[in-house]
């Protein structure tokens, strides 16, 4: 229904920015990461680690980035959970992603 292969949440919500029950289209990247903060209302901070190749030294270095993502009311997420986030239109100054699936706890 959403355009990507993720299970639909069991609970319903009336959030207009929910890709399952609202009218928010998804596009672009689909990333995975760990939730490091859920203090803001309907927003979670997701941290993802990756390796970057440094051509000068011909080696890889570890990097990480924090991404703010919208948390629909129908998805229950806590700090430490591994989540899948999908890119969408800008929802605020810093939010361009929405949580679409909870993989489980780390």
C-alpha atoms as a PDB file:
ATOM      1  CA  UNK A   1       0.000   0.000   0.000  1.00  0.00           C
ATOM      2  CA  UNK A   2       2.808   2.395   0.873  1.00  0.00           C
ATOM      3  CA  UNK A   3       4.997   1.401  -2.075  1.00  0.00           C
ATOM      4  CA  UNK A   4       7.627  -0.433  -0.040  1.00  0.00           C
ATOM      5  CA  UNK A   5       7.495  -3.913   1.440  1.00  0.00           C
ATOM      6  CA  UNK A   6       6.743  -3.269   5.140  1.00  0.00           C
ATOM      7  CA  UNK A   7       3.911  -4.647   7.288  1.00  0.00           C
ATOM      8  CA  UNK A   8       1.080  -2.253   8.102  1.00  0.00           C
ATOM      9  CA  UNK A   9       0.772  -1.273  11.818  1.00  0.00           C
ATOM     10  CA  UNK A  10      -1.931  -3.072  13.785  1.00  0.00           C
ATOM     11  CA  UNK A  11      -3.362   0.094  15.362  1.00  0.00           C
ATOM     12  CA  UNK A  12      -5.104   2.903  13.481  1.00  0.00           C
ATOM     13  CA  UNK A  13      -4.296   6.613  13.734  1.00  0.00           C
ATOM     14  CA  UNK A  14      -5.678   9.916  12.497  1.00  0.00           C
ATOM     15  CA  UNK A  15      -2.267  11.498  11.795  1.00  0.00           C
ATOM     16  CA  UNK A  16      -2.362  13.239   8.370  1.00  0.00           C
ATOM     17  CA  UNK A  17       1.427  12.685   8.038  1.00  0.00           C
ATOM     18  CA  UNK A  18       1.148   8.905   8.403  1.00  0.00           C
ATOM     19  CA  UNK A  19       2.120   6.968   5.244  1.00  0.00           C
ATOM     20  CA  UNK A  20      -0.352   4.189   6.167  1.00  0.00           C
ATOM     21  CA  UNK A  21      -3.473   6.053   7.385  1.00  0.00           C
ATOM     22  CA  UNK A  22      -2.815   9.612   6.189  1.00  0.00           C
ATOM     23  CA  UNK A  23      -1.844  11.027   2.818  1.00  0.00           C
ATOM     24  CA  UNK A  24       1.980  11.279   3.015  1.00  0.00           C
ATOM     25  CA  UNK A  25       3.728   9.957  -0.119  1.00  0.00           C
ATOM     26  CA  UNK A  26       7.140   8.282   0.242  1.00  0.00           C
ATOM     27  CA  UNK A  27      10.056   8.675  -2.162  1.00  0.00           C
ATOM     28  CA  UNK A  28      13.827   8.364  -2.294  1.00  0.00           C
ATOM     29  CA  UNK A  29      15.998   6.676   0.295  1.00  0.00           C
ATOM     30  CA  UNK A  30      15.101   3.945   2.778  1.00  0.00           C
ATOM     31  CA  UNK A  31      17.521   3.762   5.715  1.00  0.00           C
ATOM     32  CA  UNK A  32      17.951   1.766   8.922  1.00  0.00           C
ATOM     33  CA  UNK A  33      19.234   3.032  12.233  1.00  0.00           C
ATOM     34  CA  UNK A  34      18.855   3.050  15.999  1.00  0.00           C
ATOM     35  CA  UNK A  35      16.582   5.439  17.895  1.00  0.00           C
ATOM     36  CA  UNK A  36      18.683   7.557  20.273  1.00  0.00           C
ATOM     37  CA  UNK A  37      16.026  10.086  21.360  1.00  0.00           C
ATOM     38  CA  UNK A  38      12.234  10.262  21.478  1.00  0.00           C
ATOM     39  CA  UNK A  39      11.795  13.372  23.623  1.00  0.00           C
ATOM     40  CA  UNK A  40      10.219  15.603  20.966  1.00  0.00           C
ATOM     41  CA  UNK A  41       6.536  15.255  20.158  1.00  0.00           C
ATOM     42  CA  UNK A  42       5.923  12.890  17.196  1.00  0.00           C
ATOM     43  CA  UNK A  43       9.660  12.987  16.384  1.00  0.00           C
ATOM     44  CA  UNK A  44      12.490  10.525  16.933  1.00  0.00           C
ATOM     45  CA  UNK A  45      16.218  10.936  16.354  1.00  0.00           C
ATOM     46  CA  UNK A  46      17.733   8.014  14.448  1.00  0.00           C
ATOM     47  CA  UNK A  47      21.492   7.405  14.411  1.00  0.00           C
ATOM     48  CA  UNK A  48      23.062   5.366  11.636  1.00  0.00           C
ATOM     49  CA  UNK A  49      26.687   4.191  11.349  1.00  0.00           C
ATOM     50  CA  UNK A  50      28.469   3.681   8.051  1.00  0.00           C
ATOM     51  CA  UNK A  51      31.963   3.413   6.581  1.00  0.00           C
ATOM     52  CA  UNK A  52      33.465   6.128   4.358  1.00  0.00           C
ATOM     53  CA  UNK A  53      36.397   5.363   2.071  1.00  0.00           C
ATOM     54  CA  UNK A  54      39.238   7.915   2.374  1.00  0.00           C
ATOM     55  CA  UNK A  55      41.039   7.896  -0.965  1.00  0.00           C
ATOM     56  CA  UNK A  56      44.228   9.580   0.240  1.00  0.00           C
ATOM     57  CA  UNK A  57      44.918   6.903   2.856  1.00  0.00           C
ATOM     58  CA  UNK A  58      43.171   4.066   0.972  1.00  0.00           C
ATOM     59  CA  UNK A  59      41.308   3.099   4.123  1.00  0.00           C
ATOM     60  CA  UNK A  60      37.825   3.275   5.562  1.00  0.00           C
ATOM     61  CA  UNK A  61      36.749   5.333   8.549  1.00  0.00           C
ATOM     62  CA  UNK A  62      33.668   4.891  10.680  1.00  0.00           C
ATOM     63  CA  UNK A  63      31.150   7.715  10.570  1.00  0.00           C
ATOM     64  CA  UNK A  64      27.706   8.267  11.995  1.00  0.00           C
ATOM     65  CA  UNK A  65      24.874  10.683  11.356  1.00  0.00           C
ATOM     66  CA  UNK A  66      21.721  11.635  13.207  1.00  0.00           C
ATOM     67  CA  UNK A  67      18.485  11.997  11.283  1.00  0.00           C
ATOM     68  CA  UNK A  68      15.227  13.410  12.633  1.00  0.00           C
ATOM     69  CA  UNK A  69      12.196  11.366  11.571  1.00  0.00           C
ATOM     70  CA  UNK A  70       8.447  11.743  12.041  1.00  0.00           C
ATOM     71  CA  UNK A  71       6.831   9.122  14.282  1.00  0.00           C
ATOM     72  CA  UNK A  72       3.194   8.431  13.361  1.00  0.00           C
ATOM     73  CA  UNK A  73       0.778   7.749  16.234  1.00  0.00           C
ATOM     74  CA  UNK A  74       0.178   4.148  15.084  1.00  0.00           C
ATOM     75  CA  UNK A  75       3.848   3.122  15.453  1.00  0.00           C
ATOM     76  CA  UNK A  76       5.234   2.541  18.968  1.00  0.00           C
ATOM     77  CA  UNK A  77       8.969   3.337  19.159  1.00  0.00           C
ATOM     78  CA  UNK A  78      11.326   3.542  22.138  1.00  0.00           C
ATOM     79  CA  UNK A  79      14.973   4.502  22.589  1.00  0.00           C
ATOM     80  CA  UNK A  80      17.217   1.631  21.522  1.00  0.00           C
ATOM     81  CA  UNK A  81      14.855   0.235  18.881  1.00  0.00           C
ATOM     82  CA  UNK A  82      16.139  -0.457  15.381  1.00  0.00           C
ATOM     83  CA  UNK A  83      13.846   1.212  12.856  1.00  0.00           C
ATOM     84  CA  UNK A  84      13.445   1.574   9.103  1.00  0.00           C
ATOM     85  CA  UNK A  85      12.862   5.143   7.933  1.00  0.00           C
ATOM     86  CA  UNK A  86      11.786   6.338   4.492  1.00  0.00           C
ATOM     87  CA  UNK A  87      12.323   9.703   2.842  1.00  0.00           C
ATOM     88  CA  UNK A  88       9.316  11.953   2.278  1.00  0.00           C
ATOM     89  CA  UNK A  89       8.598  15.604   1.567  1.00  0.00           C
ATOM     90  CA  UNK A  90       9.906  18.094   4.172  1.00  0.00           C
ATOM     91  CA  UNK A  91       7.652  17.998   7.240  1.00  0.00           C
ATOM     92  CA  UNK A  92       9.535  20.721   9.116  1.00  0.00           C
ATOM     93  CA  UNK A  93      12.877  22.495   9.014  1.00  0.00           C
ATOM     94  CA  UNK A  94      14.790  19.337   9.962  1.00  0.00           C
ATOM     95  CA  UNK A  95      12.380  16.429   9.286  1.00  0.00           C
ATOM     96  CA  UNK A  96      12.509  14.774   5.859  1.00  0.00           C
ATOM     97  CA  UNK A  97      11.987  11.159   6.944  1.00  0.00           C
ATOM     98  CA  UNK A  98       9.178   9.101   8.503  1.00  0.00           C
ATOM     99  CA  UNK A  99       9.341   5.863  10.514  1.00  0.00           C
ATOM    100  CA  UNK A 100       7.759   3.008   8.554  1.00  0.00           C
ATOM    101  CA  UNK A 101       8.821  -0.108  10.486  1.00  0.00           C
ATOM    102  CA  UNK A 102      10.182  -1.121  13.886  1.00  0.00           C
ATOM    103  CA  UNK A 103      12.700  -3.953  13.522  1.00  0.00           C
ATOM    104  CA  UNK A 104      13.043  -4.586  17.266  1.00  0.00           C
ATOM    105  CA  UNK A 105      15.359  -3.788  20.125  1.00  0.00           C
ATOM    106  CA  UNK A 106      19.143  -3.827  19.764  1.00  0.00           C
END
